[in-house]
Every structure is written in C-alpha cells, then in structure tokens.
PDB file of all heavy atoms in Angstrom:
ATOM      1  N   GLU A   1     227.796  -5.279 111.985  1.00  0.00           N
ATOM      2  CA  GLU A   1     228.886  -5.102 111.014  1.00  0.00           C
ATOM      3  C   GLU A   1     229.024  -6.339 110.133  1.00  0.00           C
ATOM      4  O   GLU A   1     229.258  -6.229 108.920  1.00  0.00           O
ATOM      5  CB  GLU A   1     230.201  -4.800 111.734  1.00  0.00           C
ATOM      6  CG  GLU A   1     231.336  -4.437 110.806  1.00  0.00           C
ATOM      7  CD  GLU A   1     231.078  -3.190 109.972  1.00  0.00           C
ATOM      8  OE1 GLU A   1     230.453  -2.249 110.476  1.00  0.00           O
ATOM      9  OE2 GLU A   1     231.491  -3.163 108.802  1.00  0.00           O
ATOM     10  N   ALA A   2     228.863  -7.521 110.697  1.00  0.00           N
ATOM     11  CA  ALA A   2     228.951  -8.754 109.914  1.00  0.00           C
ATOM     12  C   ALA A   2     227.873  -8.791 108.840  1.00  0.00           C
ATOM     13  O   ALA A   2     228.150  -9.119 107.684  1.00  0.00           O
ATOM     14  CB  ALA A   2     228.834  -9.972 110.827  1.00  0.00           C
ATOM     15  N   ALA A   3     226.648  -8.435 109.196  1.00  0.00           N
ATOM     16  CA  ALA A   3     225.555  -8.434 108.214  1.00  0.00           C
ATOM     17  C   ALA A   3     225.847  -7.446 107.087  1.00  0.00           C
ATOM     18  O   ALA A   3     225.614  -7.752 105.913  1.00  0.00           O
ATOM     19  CB  ALA A   3     224.232  -8.098 108.890  1.00  0.00           C
ATOM     20  N   LYS A   4     226.383  -6.280 107.413  1.00  0.00           N
ATOM     21  CA  LYS A   4     226.752  -5.298 106.380  1.00  0.00           C
ATOM     22  C   LYS A   4     227.813  -5.878 105.450  1.00  0.00           C
ATOM     23  O   LYS A   4     227.751  -5.700 104.237  1.00  0.00           O
ATOM     24  CB  LYS A   4     227.272  -4.015 107.016  1.00  0.00           C
ATOM     25  CG  LYS A   4     226.223  -3.193 107.714  1.00  0.00           C
ATOM     26  CD  LYS A   4     226.845  -1.955 108.347  1.00  0.00           C
ATOM     27  CE  LYS A   4     225.864  -1.198 109.201  1.00  0.00           C
ATOM     28  NZ  LYS A   4     226.484  -0.040 109.874  1.00  0.00           N
ATOM     29  N   THR A   5     228.778  -6.579 106.021  1.00  0.00           N
ATOM     30  CA  THR A   5     229.842  -7.198 105.223  1.00  0.00           C
ATOM     31  C   THR A   5     229.271  -8.258 104.295  1.00  0.00           C
ATOM     32  O   THR A   5     229.623  -8.317 103.112  1.00  0.00           O
ATOM     33  CB  THR A   5     230.917  -7.808 106.141  1.00  0.00           C
ATOM     34  OG1 THR A   5     231.476  -6.763 106.938  1.00  0.00           O
ATOM     35  CG2 THR A   5     232.012  -8.483 105.340  1.00  0.00           C
ATOM     36  N   TYR A   6     228.380  -9.116 104.804  1.00  0.00           N
ATOM     37  CA  TYR A   6     227.768 -10.157 103.972  1.00  0.00           C
ATOM     38  C   TYR A   6     226.949  -9.526 102.840  1.00  0.00           C
ATOM     39  O   TYR A   6     226.982 -10.015 101.706  1.00  0.00           O
ATOM     40  CB  TYR A   6     226.871 -11.070 104.802  1.00  0.00           C
ATOM     41  CG  TYR A   6     227.564 -11.783 105.932  1.00  0.00           C
ATOM     42  CD1 TYR A   6     226.882 -12.096 107.103  1.00  0.00           C
ATOM     43  CD2 TYR A   6     228.901 -12.153 105.844  1.00  0.00           C
ATOM     44  CE1 TYR A   6     227.508 -12.754 108.145  1.00  0.00           C
ATOM     45  CE2 TYR A   6     229.538 -12.801 106.893  1.00  0.00           C
ATOM     46  CZ  TYR A   6     228.834 -13.102 108.037  1.00  0.00           C
ATOM     47  OH  TYR A   6     229.456 -13.747 109.071  1.00  0.00           O
ATOM     48  N   CYS A   7     226.231  -8.460 103.154  1.00  0.00           N
ATOM     49  CA  CYS A   7     225.435  -7.788 102.123  1.00  0.00           C
ATOM     50  C   CYS A   7     226.333  -7.257 101.008  1.00  0.00           C
ATOM     51  O   CYS A   7     226.038  -7.437  99.824  1.00  0.00           O
ATOM     52  CB  CYS A   7     224.618  -6.654 102.733  1.00  0.00           C
ATOM     53  SG  CYS A   7     223.223  -7.221 103.726  1.00  0.00           S
ATOM     54  N   LYS A   8     227.424  -6.638 101.391  1.00  0.00           N
ATOM     55  CA  LYS A   8     228.348  -6.083 100.403  1.00  0.00           C
ATOM     56  C   LYS A   8     229.042  -7.191  99.603  1.00  0.00           C
ATOM     57  O   LYS A   8     229.133  -7.126  98.376  1.00  0.00           O
ATOM     58  CB  LYS A   8     229.388  -5.203 101.095  1.00  0.00           C
ATOM     59  CG  LYS A   8     230.314  -4.495 100.153  1.00  0.00           C
ATOM     60  CD  LYS A   8     231.253  -3.560 100.902  1.00  0.00           C
ATOM     61  CE  LYS A   8     232.219  -2.885  99.945  1.00  0.00           C
ATOM     62  NZ  LYS A   8     233.147  -1.996 100.642  1.00  0.00           N
ATOM     63  N   ALA A   9     229.496  -8.224 100.282  1.00  0.00           N
ATOM     64  CA  ALA A   9     230.261  -9.286  99.627  1.00  0.00           C
ATOM     65  C   ALA A   9     229.403 -10.146  98.701  1.00  0.00           C
ATOM     66  O   ALA A   9     229.873 -10.578  97.643  1.00  0.00           O
ATOM     67  CB  ALA A   9     230.916 -10.177 100.683  1.00  0.00           C
ATOM     68  N   PHE A  10     228.155 -10.403  99.079  1.00  0.00           N
ATOM     69  CA  PHE A  10     227.326 -11.338  98.333  1.00  0.00           C
ATOM     70  C   PHE A  10     226.140 -10.676  97.629  1.00  0.00           C
ATOM     71  O   PHE A  10     225.328 -11.366  97.017  1.00  0.00           O
ATOM     72  CB  PHE A  10     226.808 -12.445  99.260  1.00  0.00           C
ATOM     73  CG  PHE A  10     227.907 -13.229  99.898  1.00  0.00           C
ATOM     74  CD1 PHE A  10     228.186 -13.088 101.253  1.00  0.00           C
ATOM     75  CD2 PHE A  10     228.689 -14.100  99.156  1.00  0.00           C
ATOM     76  CE1 PHE A  10     229.207 -13.806 101.854  1.00  0.00           C
ATOM     77  CE2 PHE A  10     229.717 -14.829  99.745  1.00  0.00           C
ATOM     78  CZ  PHE A  10     229.976 -14.680 101.097  1.00  0.00           C
ATOM     79  N   GLY A  11     226.043  -9.359  97.733  1.00  0.00           N
ATOM     80  CA  GLY A  11     224.914  -8.669  97.119  1.00  0.00           C
ATOM     81  C   GLY A  11     223.598  -9.002  97.803  1.00  0.00           C
ATOM     82  O   GLY A  11     222.545  -9.008  97.186  1.00  0.00           O
ATOM     83  N   ALA A  12     223.664  -9.275  99.097  1.00  0.00           N
ATOM     84  CA  ALA A  12     222.480  -9.668  99.865  1.00  0.00           C
ATOM     85  C   ALA A  12     221.723  -8.442 100.374  1.00  0.00           C
ATOM     86  O   ALA A  12     222.254  -7.330 100.417  1.00  0.00           O
ATOM     87  CB  ALA A  12     222.899 -10.538 101.052  1.00  0.00           C
ATOM     88  N   ASP A  13     220.477  -8.674 100.736  1.00  0.00           N
ATOM     89  CA  ASP A  13     219.634  -7.664 101.375  1.00  0.00           C
ATOM     90  C   ASP A  13     219.163  -8.204 102.716  1.00  0.00           C
ATOM     91  O   ASP A  13     218.904  -9.404 102.847  1.00  0.00           O
ATOM     92  CB  ASP A  13     218.393  -7.365 100.521  1.00  0.00           C
ATOM     93  CG  ASP A  13     218.748  -6.752  99.188  1.00  0.00           C
ATOM     94  OD1 ASP A  13     219.470  -5.745  99.179  1.00  0.00           O
ATOM     95  OD2 ASP A  13     218.295  -7.294  98.161  1.00  0.00           O
ATOM     96  N   ILE A  14     219.030  -7.323 103.684  1.00  0.00           N
ATOM     97  CA  ILE A  14     218.458  -7.711 104.974  1.00  0.00           C
ATOM     98  C   ILE A  14     216.948  -7.695 104.797  1.00  0.00           C
ATOM     99  O   ILE A  14     216.369  -6.664 104.461  1.00  0.00           O
ATOM    100  CB  ILE A  14     218.902  -6.761 106.096  1.00  0.00           C
ATOM    101  CG1 ILE A  14     220.416  -6.865 106.288  1.00  0.00           C
ATOM    102  CG2 ILE A  14     218.154  -7.071 107.390  1.00  0.00           C
ATOM    103  CD1 ILE A  14     221.000  -5.847 107.248  1.00  0.00           C
ATOM    104  N   THR A  15     216.310  -8.854 104.987  1.00  0.00           N
ATOM    105  CA  THR A  15     214.870  -8.948 104.772  1.00  0.00           C
ATOM    106  C   THR A  15     214.074  -8.989 106.073  1.00  0.00           C
ATOM    107  O   THR A  15     212.862  -8.790 106.060  1.00  0.00           O
ATOM    108  CB  THR A  15     214.539 -10.203 103.933  1.00  0.00           C
ATOM    109  OG1 THR A  15     215.101 -11.355 104.563  1.00  0.00           O
ATOM    110  CG2 THR A  15     215.121 -10.069 102.538  1.00  0.00           C
ATOM    111  N   PHE A  16     214.755  -9.252 107.183  1.00  0.00           N
ATOM    112  CA  PHE A  16     214.096  -9.260 108.488  1.00  0.00           C
ATOM    113  C   PHE A  16     215.156  -9.081 109.542  1.00  0.00           C
ATOM    114  O   PHE A  16     216.231  -9.674 109.446  1.00  0.00           O
ATOM    115  CB  PHE A  16     213.367 -10.593 108.708  1.00  0.00           C
ATOM    116  CG  PHE A  16     212.591 -10.647 109.993  1.00  0.00           C
ATOM    117  CD1 PHE A  16     211.399  -9.965 110.124  1.00  0.00           C
ATOM    118  CD2 PHE A  16     213.059 -11.369 111.066  1.00  0.00           C
ATOM    119  CE1 PHE A  16     210.682 -10.010 111.311  1.00  0.00           C
ATOM    120  CE2 PHE A  16     212.359 -11.431 112.257  1.00  0.00           C
ATOM    121  CZ  PHE A  16     211.160 -10.745 112.380  1.00  0.00           C
ATOM    122  N   GLU A  17     214.876  -8.246 110.541  1.00  0.00           N
ATOM    123  CA  GLU A  17     215.861  -8.027 111.605  1.00  0.00           C
ATOM    124  C   GLU A  17     215.180  -7.738 112.926  1.00  0.00           C
ATOM    125  O   GLU A  17     214.123  -7.107 112.973  1.00  0.00           O
ATOM    126  CB  GLU A  17     216.801  -6.877 111.253  1.00  0.00           C
ATOM    127  CG  GLU A  17     216.117  -5.539 111.097  1.00  0.00           C
ATOM    128  CD  GLU A  17     217.061  -4.417 110.696  1.00  0.00           C
ATOM    129  OE1 GLU A  17     218.077  -4.687 110.030  1.00  0.00           O
ATOM    130  OE2 GLU A  17     216.776  -3.270 111.062  1.00  0.00           O
ATOM    131  N   ILE A  18     215.782  -8.240 113.977  1.00  0.00           N
ATOM    132  CA  ILE A  18     215.392  -7.914 115.346  1.00  0.00           C
ATOM    133  C   ILE A  18     216.681  -7.560 116.070  1.00  0.00           C
ATOM    134  O   ILE A  18     217.598  -8.380 116.143  1.00  0.00           O
ATOM    135  CB  ILE A  18     214.706  -9.096 116.054  1.00  0.00           C
ATOM    136  CG1 ILE A  18     213.437  -9.507 115.310  1.00  0.00           C
ATOM    137  CG2 ILE A  18     214.394  -8.730 117.507  1.00  0.00           C
ATOM    138  CD1 ILE A  18     212.807 -10.782 115.839  1.00  0.00           C
ATOM    139  N   LYS A  19     216.756  -6.334 116.573  1.00  0.00           N
ATOM    140  CA  LYS A  19     217.945  -5.903 117.306  1.00  0.00           C
ATOM    141  C   LYS A  19     217.715  -6.029 118.804  1.00  0.00           C
ATOM    142  O   LYS A  19     216.572  -6.064 119.271  1.00  0.00           O
ATOM    143  CB  LYS A  19     218.289  -4.457 116.949  1.00  0.00           C
ATOM    144  CG  LYS A  19     218.757  -4.303 115.516  1.00  0.00           C
ATOM    145  CD  LYS A  19     219.160  -2.883 115.217  1.00  0.00           C
ATOM    146  CE  LYS A  19     219.628  -2.763 113.767  1.00  0.00           C
ATOM    147  NZ  LYS A  19     219.912  -1.372 113.418  1.00  0.00           N
ATOM    148  N   ASN A  20     218.823  -6.077 119.543  1.00  0.00           N
ATOM    149  CA  ASN A  20     218.721  -6.136 120.997  1.00  0.00           C
ATOM    150  C   ASN A  20     218.152  -4.824 121.523  1.00  0.00           C
ATOM    151  O   ASN A  20     217.934  -3.884 120.767  1.00  0.00           O
ATOM    152  CB  ASN A  20     220.071  -6.482 121.644  1.00  0.00           C
ATOM    153  CG  ASN A  20     221.127  -5.418 121.417  1.00  0.00           C
ATOM    154  OD1 ASN A  20     220.901  -4.395 120.783  1.00  0.00           O
ATOM    155  ND2 ASN A  20     222.316  -5.664 121.929  1.00  0.00           N
ATOM    156  N   GLY A  21     217.909  -4.759 122.813  1.00  0.00           N
ATOM    157  CA  GLY A  21     217.256  -3.610 123.428  1.00  0.00           C
ATOM    158  C   GLY A  21     217.932  -2.276 123.200  1.00  0.00           C
ATOM    159  O   GLY A  21     217.262  -1.245 123.068  1.00  0.00           O
ATOM    160  N   ASN A  22     219.255  -2.258 123.116  1.00  0.00           N
ATOM    161  CA  ASN A  22     219.948  -0.984 122.909  1.00  0.00           C
ATOM    162  C   ASN A  22     220.401  -0.786 121.461  1.00  0.00           C
ATOM    163  O   ASN A  22     221.121   0.154 121.159  1.00  0.00           O
ATOM    164  CB  ASN A  22     221.110  -0.818 123.896  1.00  0.00           C
ATOM    165  CG  ASN A  22     222.132  -1.929 123.800  1.00  0.00           C
ATOM    166  OD1 ASN A  22     222.071  -2.757 122.897  1.00  0.00           O
ATOM    167  ND2 ASN A  22     223.057  -1.964 124.740  1.00  0.00           N
ATOM    168  N   GLY A  23     219.975  -1.693 120.569  1.00  0.00           N
ATOM    169  CA  GLY A  23     220.236  -1.523 119.142  1.00  0.00           C
ATOM    170  C   GLY A  23     221.669  -1.729 118.699  1.00  0.00           C
ATOM    171  O   GLY A  23     222.048  -1.287 117.620  1.00  0.00           O
ATOM    172  N   THR A  24     222.463  -2.427 119.502  1.00  0.00           N
ATOM    173  CA  THR A  24     223.881  -2.587 119.176  1.00  0.00           C
ATOM    174  C   THR A  24     224.225  -3.939 118.559  1.00  0.00           C
ATOM    175  O   THR A  24     225.365  -4.161 118.151  1.00  0.00           O
ATOM    176  CB  THR A  24     224.748  -2.398 120.427  1.00  0.00           C
ATOM    177  OG1 THR A  24     224.358  -3.368 121.407  1.00  0.00           O
ATOM    178  CG2 THR A  24     224.591  -0.991 120.987  1.00  0.00           C
ATOM    179  N   ALA A  25     223.247  -4.859 118.494  1.00  0.00           N
ATOM    180  CA  ALA A  25     223.498  -6.191 117.930  1.00  0.00           C
ATOM    181  C   ALA A  25     222.186  -6.787 117.450  1.00  0.00           C
ATOM    182  O   ALA A  25     221.107  -6.405 117.910  1.00  0.00           O
ATOM    183  CB  ALA A  25     224.124  -7.109 118.971  1.00  0.00           C
ATOM    184  N   TYR A  26     222.289  -7.717 116.522  1.00  0.00           N
ATOM    185  CA  TYR A  26     221.105  -8.434 116.075  1.00  0.00           C
ATOM    186  C   TYR A  26     220.818  -9.601 116.996  1.00  0.00           C
ATOM    187  O   TYR A  26     221.719 -10.353 117.353  1.00  0.00           O
ATOM    188  CB  TYR A  26     221.294  -8.988 114.659  1.00  0.00           C
ATOM    189  CG  TYR A  26     221.211  -7.951 113.580  1.00  0.00           C
ATOM    190  CD1 TYR A  26     222.270  -7.733 112.717  1.00  0.00           C
ATOM    191  CD2 TYR A  26     220.063  -7.197 113.404  1.00  0.00           C
ATOM    192  CE1 TYR A  26     222.202  -6.785 111.709  1.00  0.00           C
ATOM    193  CE2 TYR A  26     219.980  -6.240 112.407  1.00  0.00           C
ATOM    194  CZ  TYR A  26     221.045  -6.047 111.562  1.00  0.00           C
ATOM    195  OH  TYR A  26     220.965  -5.110 110.576  1.00  0.00           O
ATOM    196  N   GLU A  27     219.569  -9.749 117.385  1.00  0.00           N
ATOM    197  CA  GLU A  27     219.129 -10.977 118.029  1.00  0.00           C
ATOM    198  C   GLU A  27     218.747 -11.975 116.940  1.00  0.00           C
ATOM    199  O   GLU A  27     218.895 -13.172 117.110  1.00  0.00           O
ATOM    200  CB  GLU A  27     217.948 -10.701 118.950  1.00  0.00           C
ATOM    201  CG  GLU A  27     218.342  -9.896 120.174  1.00  0.00           C
ATOM    202  CD  GLU A  27     217.198  -9.681 121.134  1.00  0.00           C
ATOM    203  OE1 GLU A  27     216.071 -10.158 120.874  1.00  0.00           O
ATOM    204  OE2 GLU A  27     217.420  -9.029 122.164  1.00  0.00           O
ATOM    205  N   HIS A  28     218.252 -11.434 115.818  1.00  0.00           N
ATOM    206  CA  HIS A  28     217.900 -12.255 114.663  1.00  0.00           C
ATOM    207  C   HIS A  28     217.991 -11.379 113.422  1.00  0.00           C
ATOM    208  O   HIS A  28     217.573 -10.229 113.440  1.00  0.00           O
ATOM    209  CB  HIS A  28     216.486 -12.809 114.803  1.00  0.00           C
ATOM    210  CG  HIS A  28     216.089 -13.714 113.683  1.00  0.00           C
ATOM    211  ND1 HIS A  28     216.453 -15.033 113.644  1.00  0.00           N
ATOM    212  CD2 HIS A  28     215.374 -13.481 112.554  1.00  0.00           C
ATOM    213  CE1 HIS A  28     215.962 -15.586 112.549  1.00  0.00           C
ATOM    214  NE2 HIS A  28     215.310 -14.665 111.853  1.00  0.00           N
ATOM    215  N   CYS A  29     218.537 -11.919 112.342  1.00  0.00           N
ATOM    216  CA  CYS A  29     218.662 -11.184 111.094  1.00  0.00           C
ATOM    217  C   CYS A  29     218.602 -12.183 109.930  1.00  0.00           C
ATOM    218  O   CYS A  29     219.289 -13.202 109.968  1.00  0.00           O
ATOM    219  CB  CYS A  29     219.988 -10.421 111.068  1.00  0.00           C
ATOM    220  SG  CYS A  29     220.258  -9.468 109.567  1.00  0.00           S
ATOM    221  N   GLU A  30     217.767 -11.890 108.943  1.00  0.00           N
ATOM    222  CA  GLU A  30     217.658 -12.763 107.783  1.00  0.00           C
ATOM    223  C   GLU A  30     218.130 -12.003 106.547  1.00  0.00           C
ATOM    224  O   GLU A  30     217.797 -10.833 106.371  1.00  0.00           O
ATOM    225  CB  GLU A  30     216.212 -13.215 107.575  1.00  0.00           C
ATOM    226  CG  GLU A  30     215.713 -14.083 108.727  1.00  0.00           C
ATOM    227  CD  GLU A  30     214.272 -14.504 108.568  1.00  0.00           C
ATOM    228  OE1 GLU A  30     213.650 -14.232 107.509  1.00  0.00           O
ATOM    229  OE2 GLU A  30     213.753 -15.112 109.511  1.00  0.00           O
TER     230      GLU A  30
END
C-alpha cells in the first residue's frame, strides 16, 4: 500500500519488486 501511495503522490513507477512468500508485502521494491 505504501508503494502504491508513493507512486500516486510522486508519479513514480515500480521498476523492480520482490514480494514475500505469500505475496502480502515487499521484501524489496524499487
């Protein structure tokens, strides 16, 4: 949710992501 908020607020794009095993959080997100 934080990454979505940053994307909306700053016009950012997610360029790389690694989610945890159950897909509920980022272990790493750029």
